[in-house]
Amino acid sequence: MVEQAVQPSPEGVPGGVRDPGLVRAWWVELPGHGGFTLRAYLAQPTASGPHPGLLIVHHAPGVDDHIQDVANRFAAQGFLAISPELFGREGGPPDTGDPAALIARLAALPDEQVLGDLQAALRFLAERDNYSGKSGCIGFCMGGRYTLLLACSTRLLAAAVDCWGGFVDRATPAELTTPTRPRPPLELVPHLSCPLYAAFGEEDDNPSPAVARRMEELLAAVPHESKVRLFPGAGHAFFNDRRPSFRPRQAQELWDEVVPFLNRHLRS
């Protein structure tokens, strides 16, 4: 592992790292689904452990500067944070400037493969000497979809945070299911295996407020703590300070709810 210099977070972001000395970070390699060598960004506190694990599932641009900074922020809060690069087999993240090509690329990524890679990252955390024994997961955009899928398909998580996971109710704009996406994660909510916090933007259309309401209805019958929060005045990716969609007030509110939620379930 080659250690990577940790940079201070941009000004004005929730939980921003002001003292890089609180965090150490590396790019690591681990055996992913099917034996593929998976790259992942690992950030951990410099303080002695043990620490809970936190799997961070990236958005469509991959493990970019924003996702690395988010991992650093959670590491500064006392989590072992790891974010695997899920597009490694496909030559890197898709072109986010072409919406049609982006949707096609995302839809071609097999759910089974992604779940295998995410479980491999959790195993990697579990083998760390400073791991406390519990892991959670947080995902953004496409990562929110996979966070929900992981929480409803396995029993590996002690808490999950789905941040505006797109296409949780169908495989593509035109198809309910596909061979690579055989079942919408929303249909699996009755099988949820851990507490869930789900964040939506009121101005988002994928996932829409209607999807948020449907998720809340399904969660009412699940025997785990859950919260669905619809943020007014915010659209898709309102936590991403690198995009025009960033909404500082709503992003801070999200951070102020998510960190206690994870601490409550991963440190008890």
Protein backbone atom coordinates (compact mmCIF):
# COMPACT_ATOMS: atom_id res chain seq x y z
CA MET A 1 0.00 0.00 0.00
CA VAL A 2 1.26 3.47 -0.92
CA GLU A 3 0.14 6.14 1.50
CA GLN A 4 -1.65 9.10 -0.04
CA ALA A 5 -1.39 12.66 1.22
CA VAL A 6 -4.64 13.76 2.84
CA GLN A 7 -5.74 17.24 1.86
CA PRO A 8 -7.92 19.55 3.96
CA SER A 9 -11.56 19.52 2.88
CA PRO A 10 -12.95 22.41 0.86
CA GLU A 11 -14.25 25.28 2.96
CA GLY A 12 -17.85 25.11 4.06
CA VAL A 13 -18.47 21.38 3.65
CA PRO A 14 -20.15 19.39 6.45
CA GLY A 15 -17.64 17.58 8.66
CA GLY A 16 -14.74 18.96 6.66
CA VAL A 17 -11.24 17.75 7.58
CA ARG A 18 -9.30 20.78 8.80
CA ASP A 19 -6.40 18.82 10.32
CA PRO A 20 -5.11 16.21 7.83
CA GLY A 21 -3.05 14.70 10.64
CA LEU A 22 -6.23 13.05 11.92
CA VAL A 23 -6.42 10.75 8.89
CA ARG A 24 -4.21 8.32 6.99
CA ALA A 25 -5.22 7.13 3.52
CA TRP A 26 -4.09 4.63 0.89
CA TRP A 27 -5.14 3.08 -2.38
CA VAL A 28 -5.29 -0.64 -1.70
CA GLU A 29 -5.89 -3.74 -3.79
CA LEU A 30 -8.10 -6.63 -2.73
CA PRO A 31 -9.65 -9.72 -4.34
CA GLY A 32 -13.04 -8.75 -5.72
CA HIS A 33 -15.88 -10.72 -7.28
CA GLY A 34 -14.67 -13.54 -9.50
CA GLY A 35 -11.06 -13.06 -8.42
CA PHE A 36 -10.75 -9.62 -10.05
CA THR A 37 -8.15 -7.36 -8.37
CA LEU A 38 -10.23 -4.50 -7.03
CA ARG A 39 -8.81 -1.07 -6.22
CA ALA A 40 -10.24 0.80 -3.25
CA TYR A 41 -9.59 4.01 -1.36
CA LEU A 42 -9.03 3.37 2.35
CA ALA A 43 -9.08 6.15 4.96
CA GLN A 44 -8.66 5.53 8.67
CA PRO A 45 -8.20 7.56 11.84
CA THR A 46 -4.66 8.05 13.12
CA ALA A 47 -6.08 7.56 16.63
CA SER A 48 -5.77 4.04 18.01
CA GLY A 49 -8.78 1.80 17.52
CA PRO A 50 -10.73 -0.29 17.36
CA HIS A 51 -12.99 1.51 14.90
CA PRO A 52 -16.21 0.52 13.12
CA GLY A 53 -16.08 -0.01 9.37
CA LEU A 54 -17.88 2.16 6.84
CA LEU A 55 -18.28 1.10 3.23
CA ILE A 56 -18.73 4.15 0.97
CA VAL A 57 -20.33 3.32 -2.38
CA HIS A 58 -19.39 5.92 -4.96
CA HIS A 59 -21.51 7.84 -7.44
CA ALA A 60 -21.28 7.57 -11.24
CA PRO A 61 -17.98 9.52 -11.51
CA GLY A 62 -16.30 6.80 -9.44
CA VAL A 63 -13.98 7.30 -6.47
CA ASP A 64 -13.20 10.88 -7.41
CA ASP A 65 -11.85 13.73 -5.27
CA HIS A 66 -15.28 14.27 -3.69
CA ILE A 67 -15.70 10.63 -2.63
CA GLN A 68 -12.13 10.51 -1.30
CA ASP A 69 -12.83 13.64 0.74
CA VAL A 70 -16.07 12.13 2.08
CA ALA A 71 -14.08 9.04 3.13
CA ASN A 72 -11.55 11.29 4.85
CA ARG A 73 -14.33 13.13 6.67
CA PHE A 74 -15.76 9.90 8.03
CA ALA A 75 -12.27 8.68 9.00
CA ALA A 76 -11.81 11.90 10.98
CA GLN A 77 -15.03 10.94 12.80
CA GLY A 78 -13.50 7.60 13.83
CA PHE A 79 -14.55 5.20 11.05
CA LEU A 80 -12.48 2.83 8.92
CA ALA A 81 -13.76 4.08 5.57
CA ILE A 82 -13.32 2.20 2.31
CA SER A 83 -14.63 2.98 -1.17
CA PRO A 84 -14.02 0.35 -3.88
CA GLU A 85 -13.80 1.42 -7.53
CA LEU A 86 -16.70 -0.49 -9.09
CA PHE A 87 -15.85 0.41 -12.70
CA GLY A 88 -12.38 -1.15 -12.67
CA ARG A 89 -13.30 -3.95 -15.06
CA GLU A 90 -14.84 -1.53 -17.53
CA GLY A 91 -11.84 0.78 -17.95
CA GLY A 92 -12.90 3.47 -15.51
CA PRO A 93 -15.97 5.57 -14.72
CA PRO A 94 -18.48 6.49 -17.45
CA ASP A 95 -18.76 9.81 -19.24
CA THR A 96 -21.24 11.71 -17.12
CA GLY A 97 -21.65 14.35 -19.84
CA ASP A 98 -23.69 12.00 -22.05
CA PRO A 99 -26.90 11.09 -20.14
CA ALA A 100 -28.02 8.31 -22.49
CA ALA A 101 -24.60 6.65 -22.52
CA LEU A 102 -24.33 7.07 -18.76
CA ILE A 103 -27.64 5.29 -18.10
CA ALA A 104 -26.68 2.48 -20.49
CA ARG A 105 -23.31 2.07 -18.78
CA LEU A 106 -24.85 1.97 -15.32
CA ALA A 107 -27.50 -0.52 -16.41
CA ALA A 108 -24.82 -2.82 -17.88
CA LEU A 109 -23.08 -3.17 -14.51
CA PRO A 110 -24.32 -6.51 -13.09
CA ASP A 111 -25.87 -6.34 -9.63
CA GLU A 112 -24.33 -9.70 -8.74
CA GLN A 113 -20.85 -8.43 -9.58
CA VAL A 114 -21.28 -5.21 -7.60
CA LEU A 115 -22.61 -7.05 -4.56
CA GLY A 116 -19.61 -9.37 -4.74
CA ASP A 117 -17.20 -6.45 -4.86
CA LEU A 118 -18.90 -4.67 -1.96
CA GLN A 119 -18.79 -7.82 0.17
CA ALA A 120 -15.10 -8.20 -0.67
CA ALA A 121 -14.47 -4.67 0.62
CA LEU A 122 -16.32 -5.49 3.84
CA ARG A 123 -14.18 -8.62 4.29
CA PHE A 124 -11.08 -6.49 3.80
CA LEU A 125 -12.20 -4.16 6.61
CA ALA A 126 -13.01 -7.13 8.86
CA GLU A 127 -9.41 -8.34 8.55
CA ARG A 128 -7.93 -5.04 9.77
CA ASP A 129 -6.31 -5.16 13.20
CA ASN A 130 -8.09 -1.96 14.25
CA TYR A 131 -11.58 -3.10 13.20
CA SER A 132 -14.19 -3.13 15.98
CA GLY A 133 -16.51 -5.79 14.58
CA LYS A 134 -19.38 -3.78 13.03
CA SER A 135 -19.74 -2.19 9.60
CA GLY A 136 -22.15 0.18 7.97
CA CYS A 137 -22.62 1.42 4.44
CA ILE A 138 -23.41 4.77 2.84
CA GLY A 139 -23.89 5.34 -0.87
CA PHE A 140 -24.58 8.31 -3.11
CA CYS A 141 -26.62 8.33 -6.34
CA MET A 142 -25.86 4.96 -7.99
CA GLY A 143 -24.13 4.09 -4.71
CA GLY A 144 -27.36 4.68 -2.81
CA ARG A 145 -29.05 2.07 -4.98
CA TYR A 146 -26.32 -0.47 -4.23
CA THR A 147 -26.40 0.37 -0.53
CA LEU A 148 -30.10 -0.45 -0.41
CA LEU A 149 -29.53 -3.61 -2.46
CA LEU A 150 -26.73 -4.75 -0.15
CA ALA A 151 -28.78 -4.07 2.99
CA CYS A 152 -31.71 -6.05 1.59
CA SER A 153 -29.68 -8.93 0.12
CA THR A 154 -27.19 -9.73 2.90
CA ARG A 155 -26.87 -9.61 6.68
CA LEU A 156 -23.41 -8.01 6.70
CA LEU A 157 -24.39 -4.50 7.77
CA ALA A 158 -25.29 -2.97 11.12
CA ALA A 159 -26.61 0.21 9.47
CA ALA A 160 -27.17 1.59 5.97
CA VAL A 161 -27.60 5.09 4.52
CA ASP A 162 -29.11 5.43 1.05
CA CYS A 163 -28.54 8.92 -0.36
CA TRP A 164 -30.84 9.49 -3.36
CA GLY A 165 -30.20 6.10 -4.91
CA GLY A 166 -31.42 6.26 -8.49
CA PHE A 167 -33.30 3.46 -10.24
CA VAL A 168 -34.30 1.72 -7.02
CA ASP A 169 -37.80 1.12 -8.43
CA ARG A 170 -36.86 -0.09 -11.92
CA ALA A 171 -33.82 -1.22 -13.91
CA THR A 172 -33.86 1.50 -16.60
CA PRO A 173 -36.24 4.27 -17.67
CA ALA A 174 -37.97 1.79 -19.98
CA GLU A 175 -37.60 -1.55 -18.18
CA LEU A 176 -38.65 -2.82 -14.78
CA THR A 177 -35.99 -5.56 -14.80
CA THR A 178 -33.06 -6.62 -16.99
CA PRO A 179 -30.65 -9.58 -16.89
CA THR A 180 -28.06 -7.40 -15.11
CA ARG A 181 -30.67 -5.87 -12.77
CA PRO A 182 -33.10 -8.74 -12.15
CA ARG A 183 -35.03 -7.19 -9.28
CA PRO A 184 -35.55 -3.56 -8.20
CA PRO A 185 -34.08 -2.88 -4.74
CA LEU A 186 -37.33 -1.23 -3.66
CA GLU A 187 -39.10 -4.59 -3.99
CA LEU A 188 -36.56 -6.08 -1.57
CA VAL A 189 -37.22 -3.58 1.24
CA PRO A 190 -39.34 -6.15 3.16
CA HIS A 191 -36.10 -8.16 3.50
CA LEU A 192 -34.10 -5.25 4.97
CA SER A 193 -31.57 -6.64 7.46
CA CYS A 194 -30.47 -3.52 9.37
CA PRO A 195 -31.48 0.02 10.33
CA LEU A 196 -31.82 2.33 7.33
CA TYR A 197 -31.64 6.09 6.80
CA ALA A 198 -32.80 7.17 3.33
CA ALA A 199 -32.31 10.72 2.06
CA PHE A 200 -34.17 12.23 -0.89
CA GLY A 201 -34.27 15.66 -2.50
CA GLU A 202 -37.72 17.14 -2.93
CA GLU A 203 -36.72 18.49 -6.36
CA ASP A 204 -35.20 15.20 -7.59
CA ASP A 205 -36.90 13.07 -10.23
CA ASN A 206 -34.75 9.92 -9.88
CA PRO A 207 -35.48 8.98 -7.16
CA SER A 208 -38.64 11.03 -7.01
CA PRO A 209 -40.65 12.05 -3.92
CA ALA A 210 -43.14 9.35 -4.97
CA VAL A 211 -40.39 6.73 -4.58
CA ALA A 212 -39.58 8.18 -1.16
CA ARG A 213 -43.20 7.80 -0.09
CA ARG A 214 -43.36 4.23 -1.39
CA MET A 215 -40.18 3.35 0.49
CA GLU A 216 -41.63 4.82 3.68
CA GLU A 217 -44.76 2.68 3.25
CA LEU A 218 -42.70 -0.48 2.82
CA LEU A 219 -40.44 0.34 5.77
CA ALA A 220 -43.44 0.64 8.07
CA ALA A 221 -43.66 -3.17 8.09
CA VAL A 222 -39.94 -3.78 8.64
CA PRO A 223 -38.70 -4.55 12.20
CA HIS A 224 -35.71 -2.20 12.06
CA GLU A 225 -35.28 1.47 12.84
CA SER A 226 -35.76 3.46 9.65
CA LYS A 227 -36.09 7.04 8.56
CA VAL A 228 -36.97 8.52 5.18
CA ARG A 229 -36.08 12.22 4.96
CA LEU A 230 -37.26 14.34 2.05
CA PHE A 231 -35.17 17.53 1.95
CA PRO A 232 -37.03 20.64 0.70
CA GLY A 233 -35.22 22.95 -1.69
CA ALA A 234 -32.79 20.23 -2.76
CA GLY A 235 -32.43 18.05 -5.81
CA HIS A 236 -30.16 15.19 -6.80
CA ALA A 237 -26.63 15.14 -5.32
CA PHE A 238 -27.21 18.06 -2.97
CA PHE A 239 -24.35 16.84 -0.74
CA ASN A 240 -21.74 17.08 -3.52
CA ASP A 241 -19.88 20.38 -3.04
CA ARG A 242 -18.19 19.95 -6.44
CA ARG A 243 -21.48 20.32 -8.31
CA PRO A 244 -23.95 23.18 -8.83
CA SER A 245 -26.55 20.99 -7.10
CA PHE A 246 -24.76 21.49 -3.74
CA ARG A 247 -27.01 22.90 -1.04
CA PRO A 248 -24.90 23.79 2.03
CA ARG A 249 -27.75 24.00 4.55
CA GLN A 250 -29.40 20.73 3.53
CA ALA A 251 -26.03 19.01 3.28
CA GLN A 252 -25.20 20.08 6.83
CA GLU A 253 -28.57 18.83 8.08
CA LEU A 254 -27.93 15.48 6.41
CA TRP A 255 -24.48 15.19 7.99
CA ASP A 256 -25.85 16.14 11.41
CA GLU A 257 -28.36 13.28 11.20
CA VAL A 258 -26.26 10.61 9.48
CA VAL A 259 -23.20 10.69 11.76
CA PRO A 260 -25.24 10.14 14.98
CA PHE A 261 -27.26 7.45 13.20
CA LEU A 262 -24.10 5.56 12.26
CA ASN A 263 -22.52 6.07 15.68
CA ARG A 264 -25.63 4.75 17.41
CA HIS A 265 -25.71 1.53 15.44
CA LEU A 266 -22.02 0.84 14.82
CA ARG A 267 -20.55 1.69 18.24
CA SER A 268 -23.06 0.05 20.58
